[in-house]
């Protein structure tokens, strides 16, 4: 499930965006499990929702040529 979240947050068709999103989501998920284990699952998806509301096409959307 998280791989779909990574692609959506990073931006469809953008490797750099997906890489940045994967690292960020992984760090947030792991830190959340250690610091606040009872809200960790909601923390990741809440932040993803916030990012997608702020930037609907992802952090680094693909550029269209044409």
N, C-alpha and C. Protein backbone atom coordinates (compact mmCIF):
# COMPACT_ATOMS: atom_id res chain seq x y z
N UNK A 1 0.82 -1.18 0.00
CA UNK A 1 0.00 0.00 0.00
C UNK A 1 0.87 1.25 0.00
N UNK A 2 1.96 1.24 0.73
CA UNK A 2 2.79 2.43 0.82
C UNK A 2 3.47 2.78 -0.50
N UNK A 3 3.71 1.79 -1.36
CA UNK A 3 4.35 2.11 -2.64
C UNK A 3 3.44 2.97 -3.51
N UNK A 4 2.14 2.78 -3.44
CA UNK A 4 1.22 3.63 -4.18
C UNK A 4 1.20 5.05 -3.60
N UNK A 5 1.30 5.14 -2.30
CA UNK A 5 1.35 6.43 -1.63
C UNK A 5 2.62 7.17 -2.03
N UNK A 6 3.74 6.46 -2.10
CA UNK A 6 5.02 7.07 -2.48
C UNK A 6 4.93 7.64 -3.88
N UNK A 7 4.37 6.91 -4.82
CA UNK A 7 4.27 7.38 -6.20
C UNK A 7 3.33 8.57 -6.28
N UNK A 8 2.22 8.53 -5.57
CA UNK A 8 1.26 9.64 -5.61
C UNK A 8 1.86 10.90 -5.00
N UNK A 9 2.57 10.76 -3.89
CA UNK A 9 3.15 11.94 -3.23
C UNK A 9 4.35 12.46 -4.02
N UNK A 10 5.15 11.57 -4.57
CA UNK A 10 6.33 11.99 -5.31
C UNK A 10 6.01 12.65 -6.63
N UNK A 11 4.95 12.24 -7.24
CA UNK A 11 4.58 12.77 -8.56
C UNK A 11 4.66 11.65 -9.58
N UNK A 12 3.61 11.45 -10.31
CA UNK A 12 3.57 10.37 -11.30
C UNK A 12 4.59 10.62 -12.40
N UNK A 13 5.39 9.62 -12.71
CA UNK A 13 6.36 9.72 -13.78
C UNK A 13 7.63 10.45 -13.41
N UNK A 14 7.91 10.63 -12.13
CA UNK A 14 9.10 11.35 -11.71
C UNK A 14 9.86 10.51 -10.70
N UNK A 15 11.06 10.04 -11.09
CA UNK A 15 11.85 9.19 -10.22
C UNK A 15 12.38 9.95 -9.01
N UNK A 16 12.85 11.17 -9.22
CA UNK A 16 13.40 11.96 -8.10
C UNK A 16 12.32 12.22 -7.04
N UNK A 17 11.14 12.58 -7.49
CA UNK A 17 10.05 12.84 -6.56
C UNK A 17 9.66 11.60 -5.78
N UNK A 18 9.62 10.46 -6.47
CA UNK A 18 9.28 9.21 -5.79
C UNK A 18 10.36 8.82 -4.78
N UNK A 19 11.62 9.07 -5.13
CA UNK A 19 12.71 8.76 -4.21
C UNK A 19 12.63 9.63 -2.96
N UNK A 20 12.42 10.91 -3.14
CA UNK A 20 12.30 11.84 -2.01
C UNK A 20 11.10 11.45 -1.14
N UNK A 21 9.99 11.13 -1.78
CA UNK A 21 8.79 10.75 -1.04
C UNK A 21 9.01 9.44 -0.28
N UNK A 22 9.71 8.48 -0.88
CA UNK A 22 9.97 7.19 -0.22
C UNK A 22 10.83 7.39 1.03
N UNK A 23 11.86 8.19 0.91
CA UNK A 23 12.72 8.44 2.07
C UNK A 23 11.95 9.18 3.16
N UNK A 24 11.21 10.20 2.78
CA UNK A 24 10.46 10.98 3.77
C UNK A 24 9.39 10.14 4.46
N UNK A 25 8.62 9.38 3.68
CA UNK A 25 7.56 8.57 4.27
C UNK A 25 8.15 7.46 5.13
N UNK A 26 9.25 6.87 4.69
CA UNK A 26 9.91 5.85 5.50
C UNK A 26 10.40 6.39 6.83
N UNK A 27 11.02 7.57 6.81
CA UNK A 27 11.50 8.18 8.05
C UNK A 27 10.34 8.55 8.98
N UNK A 28 9.30 9.12 8.41
CA UNK A 28 8.15 9.52 9.22
C UNK A 28 7.46 8.29 9.81
N UNK A 29 7.33 7.24 9.02
CA UNK A 29 6.68 6.02 9.49
C UNK A 29 7.49 5.37 10.61
N UNK A 30 8.79 5.25 10.43
CA UNK A 30 9.64 4.62 11.44
C UNK A 30 9.70 5.46 12.70
N UNK A 31 9.90 6.77 12.57
CA UNK A 31 9.94 7.64 13.74
C UNK A 31 8.60 7.63 14.48
N UNK A 32 7.52 7.60 13.73
CA UNK A 32 6.20 7.56 14.35
C UNK A 32 5.97 6.29 15.13
N UNK A 33 6.47 5.16 14.64
CA UNK A 33 6.30 3.89 15.36
C UNK A 33 7.06 3.87 16.67
N UNK A 34 8.18 4.58 16.73
CA UNK A 34 8.95 4.62 17.97
C UNK A 34 8.48 5.71 18.93
N UNK A 35 8.11 6.86 18.40
CA UNK A 35 7.77 7.99 19.26
C UNK A 35 6.31 7.99 19.71
N UNK A 36 5.40 7.73 18.78
CA UNK A 36 3.97 7.71 19.10
C UNK A 36 3.32 6.49 18.44
N UNK A 37 3.55 5.30 18.99
CA UNK A 37 3.08 4.08 18.31
C UNK A 37 1.56 3.98 18.15
N UNK A 38 0.81 4.60 19.01
CA UNK A 38 -0.65 4.49 18.92
C UNK A 38 -1.25 5.35 17.81
N UNK A 39 -0.52 6.34 17.30
CA UNK A 39 -1.03 7.17 16.21
C UNK A 39 -0.19 7.08 14.94
N UNK A 40 0.83 6.24 14.92
CA UNK A 40 1.75 6.15 13.78
C UNK A 40 1.04 5.87 12.45
N UNK A 41 0.12 4.91 12.38
CA UNK A 41 -0.54 4.68 11.08
C UNK A 41 -1.33 5.89 10.58
N UNK A 42 -1.92 6.63 11.47
CA UNK A 42 -2.70 7.80 11.09
C UNK A 42 -1.80 8.98 10.74
N UNK A 43 -0.64 9.03 11.36
CA UNK A 43 0.30 10.12 11.12
C UNK A 43 0.77 10.14 9.68
N UNK A 44 1.17 8.99 9.15
CA UNK A 44 1.66 8.93 7.77
C UNK A 44 0.57 9.33 6.80
N UNK A 45 -0.61 8.76 6.94
CA UNK A 45 -1.66 9.04 5.99
C UNK A 45 -2.22 10.46 6.16
N UNK A 46 -2.16 11.01 7.36
CA UNK A 46 -2.55 12.40 7.57
C UNK A 46 -1.59 13.35 6.87
N UNK A 47 -0.30 13.08 6.97
CA UNK A 47 0.68 13.92 6.28
C UNK A 47 0.58 13.78 4.77
N UNK A 48 0.31 12.57 4.30
CA UNK A 48 0.13 12.37 2.86
C UNK A 48 -1.08 13.15 2.37
N UNK A 49 -2.15 13.12 3.12
CA UNK A 49 -3.34 13.89 2.76
C UNK A 49 -3.03 15.37 2.71
N UNK A 50 -2.26 15.86 3.69
CA UNK A 50 -1.87 17.26 3.70
C UNK A 50 -1.03 17.65 2.50
N UNK A 51 -0.06 16.80 2.14
CA UNK A 51 0.79 17.08 0.98
C UNK A 51 -0.04 17.09 -0.29
N UNK A 52 -0.94 16.14 -0.44
CA UNK A 52 -1.73 16.08 -1.67
C UNK A 52 -2.78 17.19 -1.75
N UNK A 53 -3.21 17.71 -0.62
CA UNK A 53 -4.09 18.88 -0.65
C UNK A 53 -3.30 20.13 -1.02
N UNK A 54 -2.04 20.19 -0.55
CA UNK A 54 -1.18 21.34 -0.83
C UNK A 54 -0.67 21.31 -2.26
N UNK A 55 -0.22 20.13 -2.73
CA UNK A 55 0.30 19.97 -4.10
C UNK A 55 -0.38 18.76 -4.73
N UNK A 56 -1.50 18.94 -5.39
CA UNK A 56 -2.30 17.82 -5.91
C UNK A 56 -1.58 16.92 -6.91
N UNK A 57 -0.58 17.43 -7.61
CA UNK A 57 0.13 16.61 -8.60
C UNK A 57 1.40 16.00 -8.04
N UNK A 58 1.60 16.09 -6.74
CA UNK A 58 2.76 15.52 -6.09
C UNK A 58 3.84 16.55 -5.82
N UNK A 59 4.89 16.13 -5.12
CA UNK A 59 5.96 17.05 -4.78
C UNK A 59 6.70 17.55 -6.01
N UNK A 60 6.97 16.64 -6.94
CA UNK A 60 7.69 17.00 -8.17
C UNK A 60 6.94 16.41 -9.36
N UNK A 61 5.91 17.08 -9.85
CA UNK A 61 5.13 16.51 -10.96
C UNK A 61 5.95 16.38 -12.23
N UNK A 62 5.59 15.42 -13.05
CA UNK A 62 6.28 15.20 -14.34
C UNK A 62 6.05 16.40 -15.26
N UNK A 63 7.06 16.73 -16.01
CA UNK A 63 6.95 17.83 -16.97
C UNK A 63 6.41 17.27 -18.28
N UNK A 64 5.51 18.01 -18.86
CA UNK A 64 4.94 17.59 -20.15
C UNK A 64 5.69 18.30 -21.28
N UNK A 65 6.15 17.53 -22.21
CA UNK A 65 6.84 18.09 -23.37
C UNK A 65 5.85 18.26 -24.50
N UNK A 66 5.56 19.47 -24.82
CA UNK A 66 4.66 19.65 -25.93
C UNK A 66 3.63 20.68 -25.75
